[in-house]
Amino acid sequence: MIGVKDLVIKLTTKENNLINKKIQTFVDSMSSEKQSVKYYVSHRNTKSEKAMADIFLGKKAEYITSLALQKYYNIKYLEPDLEVRKGKKKGWGADLPLAEHGYQDIHVKSCNAKTVTFCKANY
C-alpha cells in the first residue's frame, strides 16, 4: 500500500489549460441526453450546473492522482478515460486501472473546498 500524505502537484498554466480543455469537452458531452448530468439531476436532487461541476472536479482529481503517482512513486502515468459511453456500455470500473501494471486499481474520489471546510469544522 502506498502511504497517504499531502502531495503537491504543480502544473504550468499551459498544462493546466490543456487538461481543463480535455475535461470540459468531456463534461460538455456528458450533458447530452441520457448521460451523467441528467442522471445526477434526476437521482441526486441537484442542478445541472452542480452536476457538471462535480463531474469536472472528479475528472480533474483523476488527472492529479495519476500525475502524483507518477511523480512520487514512479508508477506509470495513465491518461484518465474520457470516452463517453451510452446506456449499457457505461461501466463502473476503476478510474485508474493499474492492476495490469502490477498495482491495485484505483477508484478516485474527490470533493470541493466547501466540503473540506465543512468536514474540518464538524469531524
Protein backbone atom coordinates (compact mmCIF):
# COMPACT_ATOMS: atom_id res chain seq x y z
CA MET A 1 0.00 0.00 0.00
CA ILE A 2 1.16 3.50 -0.77
CA GLY A 3 1.20 5.80 2.26
CA VAL A 4 -1.26 8.66 2.35
CA LYS A 5 0.01 12.20 2.80
CA ASP A 6 -0.41 15.59 1.22
CA LEU A 7 1.31 15.60 -2.15
CA VAL A 8 1.88 18.69 -4.23
CA ILE A 9 1.41 18.64 -7.98
CA LYS A 10 2.23 21.89 -9.74
CA LEU A 11 1.07 22.32 -13.30
CA THR A 12 2.22 25.00 -15.65
CA THR A 13 -0.53 27.26 -16.96
CA LYS A 14 -0.22 25.51 -20.32
CA GLU A 15 -0.54 22.02 -18.76
CA ASN A 16 -3.48 23.09 -16.60
CA ASN A 17 -5.28 24.70 -19.54
CA LEU A 18 -4.75 21.60 -21.70
CA ILE A 19 -6.13 19.29 -19.00
CA ASN A 20 -9.05 21.63 -18.32
CA LYS A 21 -9.90 21.80 -22.02
CA LYS A 22 -9.94 17.99 -22.30
CA ILE A 23 -12.14 17.71 -19.22
CA GLN A 24 -14.51 20.47 -20.33
CA THR A 25 -15.01 18.75 -23.68
CA PHE A 26 -15.82 15.54 -21.79
CA VAL A 27 -18.22 17.32 -19.40
CA ASP A 28 -19.98 19.07 -22.28
CA SER A 29 -20.54 15.74 -23.99
CA MET A 30 -21.86 14.25 -20.73
CA SER A 31 -24.59 16.88 -20.60
CA SER A 32 -26.26 15.32 -23.63
CA GLU A 33 -29.47 13.29 -23.28
CA LYS A 34 -29.22 10.15 -21.10
CA GLN A 35 -25.75 10.94 -19.83
CA SER A 36 -24.35 11.52 -16.36
CA VAL A 37 -25.57 15.10 -15.89
CA LYS A 38 -29.17 14.02 -16.44
CA TYR A 39 -28.66 11.09 -14.06
CA TYR A 40 -27.22 13.34 -11.34
CA VAL A 41 -30.06 15.83 -11.65
CA SER A 42 -32.78 13.19 -11.50
CA HIS A 43 -31.26 10.89 -8.86
CA ARG A 44 -29.34 13.24 -6.58
CA ASN A 45 -31.69 16.21 -6.34
CA THR A 46 -29.19 18.69 -7.73
CA LYS A 47 -28.99 21.27 -10.51
CA SER A 48 -27.25 20.56 -13.79
CA GLU A 49 -24.58 23.21 -13.10
CA LYS A 50 -23.64 21.43 -9.86
CA ALA A 51 -23.63 18.06 -11.60
CA MET A 52 -21.33 19.37 -14.34
CA ALA A 53 -19.02 20.94 -11.74
CA ASP A 54 -18.88 17.63 -9.82
CA ILE A 55 -18.06 15.66 -12.97
CA PHE A 56 -15.34 18.18 -13.86
CA LEU A 57 -13.85 18.04 -10.35
CA GLY A 58 -13.87 14.23 -10.34
CA LYS A 59 -12.10 14.01 -13.68
CA LYS A 60 -9.55 16.65 -12.60
CA ALA A 61 -8.87 14.55 -9.49
CA GLU A 62 -8.11 11.57 -11.74
CA TYR A 63 -5.51 13.60 -13.64
CA ILE A 64 -3.91 14.91 -10.44
CA THR A 65 -3.88 11.44 -8.87
CA SER A 66 -2.23 9.88 -11.90
CA LEU A 67 0.37 12.67 -12.01
CA ALA A 68 1.07 12.30 -8.26
CA LEU A 69 1.52 8.54 -8.55
CA GLN A 70 3.99 9.07 -11.37
CA LYS A 71 5.91 11.88 -9.66
CA TYR A 72 6.15 10.48 -6.14
CA TYR A 73 6.06 6.71 -6.69
CA ASN A 74 7.28 6.24 -10.27
CA ILE A 75 4.05 4.49 -11.24
CA LYS A 76 3.17 4.61 -14.92
CA TYR A 77 1.10 7.69 -15.81
CA LEU A 78 -2.34 6.74 -17.08
CA GLU A 79 -4.35 9.30 -19.02
CA PRO A 80 -7.84 9.35 -17.48
CA ASP A 81 -10.59 7.80 -19.59
CA LEU A 82 -12.54 10.50 -21.42
CA GLU A 83 -14.65 8.20 -23.58
CA VAL A 84 -18.37 8.91 -23.40
CA ARG A 85 -20.29 5.66 -23.16
CA LYS A 86 -24.03 5.38 -23.55
CA GLY A 87 -26.53 3.05 -21.95
CA LYS A 88 -25.28 -0.42 -21.12
CA LYS A 89 -21.77 0.41 -22.34
CA LYS A 90 -21.23 2.54 -19.25
CA GLY A 91 -19.02 0.85 -16.72
CA TRP A 92 -18.14 1.18 -13.09
CA GLY A 93 -14.56 0.06 -13.43
CA ALA A 94 -11.57 1.66 -11.79
CA ASP A 95 -10.70 5.24 -12.70
CA LEU A 96 -7.04 4.29 -12.90
CA PRO A 97 -6.73 0.62 -13.92
CA LEU A 98 -3.26 -0.07 -12.59
CA ALA A 99 -3.64 -3.82 -12.00
CA GLU A 100 -2.25 -4.56 -15.44
CA HIS A 101 0.89 -2.69 -14.34
CA GLY A 102 1.33 -4.62 -11.07
CA TYR A 103 -0.56 -2.29 -8.70
CA GLN A 104 -4.06 -2.10 -7.26
CA ASP A 105 -6.71 -0.50 -9.43
CA ILE A 106 -7.72 2.91 -8.08
CA HIS A 107 -11.17 4.45 -7.78
CA VAL A 108 -10.56 8.19 -7.37
CA LYS A 109 -12.88 10.19 -5.10
CA SER A 110 -12.90 13.96 -4.79
CA CYS A 111 -14.65 16.80 -3.03
CA ASN A 112 -14.59 20.57 -3.27
CA ALA A 113 -13.09 23.05 -0.79
CA LYS A 114 -16.50 23.78 0.73
CA THR A 115 -16.87 20.11 1.68
CA VAL A 116 -13.37 20.00 3.16
CA THR A 117 -14.11 23.09 5.27
CA PHE A 118 -17.36 21.54 6.49
CA CYS A 119 -15.65 18.27 7.43
CA LYS A 120 -12.82 20.02 9.27
CA ALA A 121 -15.33 22.04 11.27
CA ASN A 122 -17.59 19.12 12.13
CA TYR A 123 -15.46 15.99 12.50
